């Protein structure tokens, strides 16, 4: 799957939404393979290509959460919720990450 998704992510002839989805998939695959530093730029690119799709923002939040970058994770979870509020799992995780008084 990785070679096929990589090939899609570099095609400039595809529309922004398709390229965003391929970048998001590539980033999530790399994250799953334990390569978070390689994954992050793909997820960031995906979020920039199609800001109306909350998936990349949610996935980038999860990646940063796993890496221990809690401020970064909160920021991306907020972006995902701003695009699509009905994401109970994202809202719950963001709530859990908020600093407690």
Protein backbone atom coordinates (compact mmCIF):
# COMPACT_ATOMS: atom_id res chain seq x y z
CA UNK A 1 0.00 0.00 0.00
CA UNK A 2 2.80 2.42 0.82
CA UNK A 3 4.24 2.59 -2.74
CA UNK A 4 0.81 3.10 -4.28
CA UNK A 5 -0.16 5.87 -1.89
CA UNK A 6 3.26 7.49 -2.28
CA UNK A 7 2.79 7.54 -6.05
CA UNK A 8 -0.61 9.23 -5.67
CA UNK A 9 0.68 11.85 -3.27
CA UNK A 10 3.16 13.29 -5.78
CA UNK A 11 0.75 13.54 -8.73
CA UNK A 12 0.06 17.20 -9.41
CA UNK A 13 -2.67 16.41 -11.97
CA UNK A 14 -5.09 15.26 -9.26
CA UNK A 15 -7.54 17.62 -7.59
CA UNK A 16 -6.68 19.03 -4.17
CA UNK A 17 -9.16 16.81 -2.32
CA UNK A 18 -7.72 13.62 -3.83
CA UNK A 19 -4.16 14.73 -3.15
CA UNK A 20 -5.14 15.64 0.40
CA UNK A 21 -6.60 12.21 0.99
CA UNK A 22 -3.52 10.48 -0.43
CA UNK A 23 -1.20 12.65 1.70
CA UNK A 24 -3.36 11.89 4.75
CA UNK A 25 -3.27 8.16 4.01
CA UNK A 26 0.48 8.24 3.48
CA UNK A 27 1.01 10.11 6.73
CA UNK A 28 -1.21 7.73 8.66
CA UNK A 29 0.53 4.69 7.17
CA UNK A 30 3.94 6.09 8.10
CA UNK A 31 2.71 6.85 11.61
CA UNK A 32 1.45 3.28 11.90
CA UNK A 33 4.84 2.01 10.80
CA UNK A 34 6.44 3.91 13.67
CA UNK A 35 7.82 6.71 11.48
CA UNK A 36 6.16 9.78 13.01
CA UNK A 37 8.79 12.27 11.86
CA UNK A 38 8.17 11.23 8.26
CA UNK A 39 4.40 11.16 8.79
CA UNK A 40 3.93 14.70 10.13
CA UNK A 41 4.80 16.63 6.94
CA UNK A 42 2.36 14.53 4.92
CA UNK A 43 -0.44 15.16 7.40
CA UNK A 44 0.35 18.87 7.46
CA UNK A 45 0.29 18.97 3.66
CA UNK A 46 -3.02 17.12 3.62
CA UNK A 47 -4.54 19.62 6.04
CA UNK A 48 -3.38 22.48 3.85
CA UNK A 49 -4.64 20.96 0.60
CA UNK A 50 -8.19 20.46 1.86
CA UNK A 51 -8.96 22.44 5.01
CA UNK A 52 -12.62 21.38 4.77
CA UNK A 53 -11.72 17.75 5.57
CA UNK A 54 -11.16 17.22 9.29
CA UNK A 55 -9.36 13.88 8.87
CA UNK A 56 -5.83 15.22 8.44
CA UNK A 57 -6.19 17.64 11.36
CA UNK A 58 -7.55 14.84 13.54
CA UNK A 59 -4.74 12.49 12.50
CA UNK A 60 -2.07 15.13 13.03
CA UNK A 61 -3.51 15.79 16.48
CA UNK A 62 -3.33 12.09 17.27
CA UNK A 63 0.25 11.85 15.99
CA UNK A 64 1.40 14.79 18.09
CA UNK A 65 -0.52 13.40 21.05
CA UNK A 66 1.44 10.14 20.77
CA UNK A 67 4.71 12.05 20.47
CA UNK A 68 3.95 13.97 23.66
CA UNK A 69 3.45 17.36 21.96
CA UNK A 70 0.27 18.08 23.87
CA UNK A 71 0.02 21.76 22.89
CA UNK A 72 0.36 20.81 19.22
CA UNK A 73 -2.15 17.99 19.62
CA UNK A 74 -4.68 20.32 21.24
CA UNK A 75 -4.28 22.85 18.41
CA UNK A 76 -4.88 20.27 15.68
CA UNK A 77 -7.78 18.65 17.56
CA UNK A 78 -9.36 22.12 17.81
CA UNK A 79 -8.91 22.62 14.06
CA UNK A 80 -10.55 19.25 13.37
CA UNK A 81 -13.51 20.18 15.58
CA UNK A 82 -13.82 23.60 13.96
CA UNK A 83 -14.33 21.89 10.61
CA UNK A 84 -16.65 19.18 11.94
CA UNK A 85 -17.98 19.54 15.46
CA UNK A 86 -19.63 16.11 15.62
CA UNK A 87 -16.52 14.09 16.49
CA UNK A 88 -17.09 12.82 20.03
CA UNK A 89 -13.80 10.93 20.15
CA UNK A 90 -11.81 14.03 19.21
CA UNK A 91 -13.77 16.22 21.63
CA UNK A 92 -13.22 13.72 24.44
CA UNK A 93 -9.48 13.49 23.80
CA UNK A 94 -9.17 17.27 23.58
CA UNK A 95 -11.01 17.60 26.88
CA UNK A 96 -8.64 15.08 28.46
CA UNK A 97 -5.63 17.06 27.22
CA UNK A 98 -6.84 20.45 28.46
CA UNK A 99 -4.85 21.73 31.44
CA UNK A 100 -6.73 21.16 34.67
CA UNK A 101 -7.03 24.00 37.21
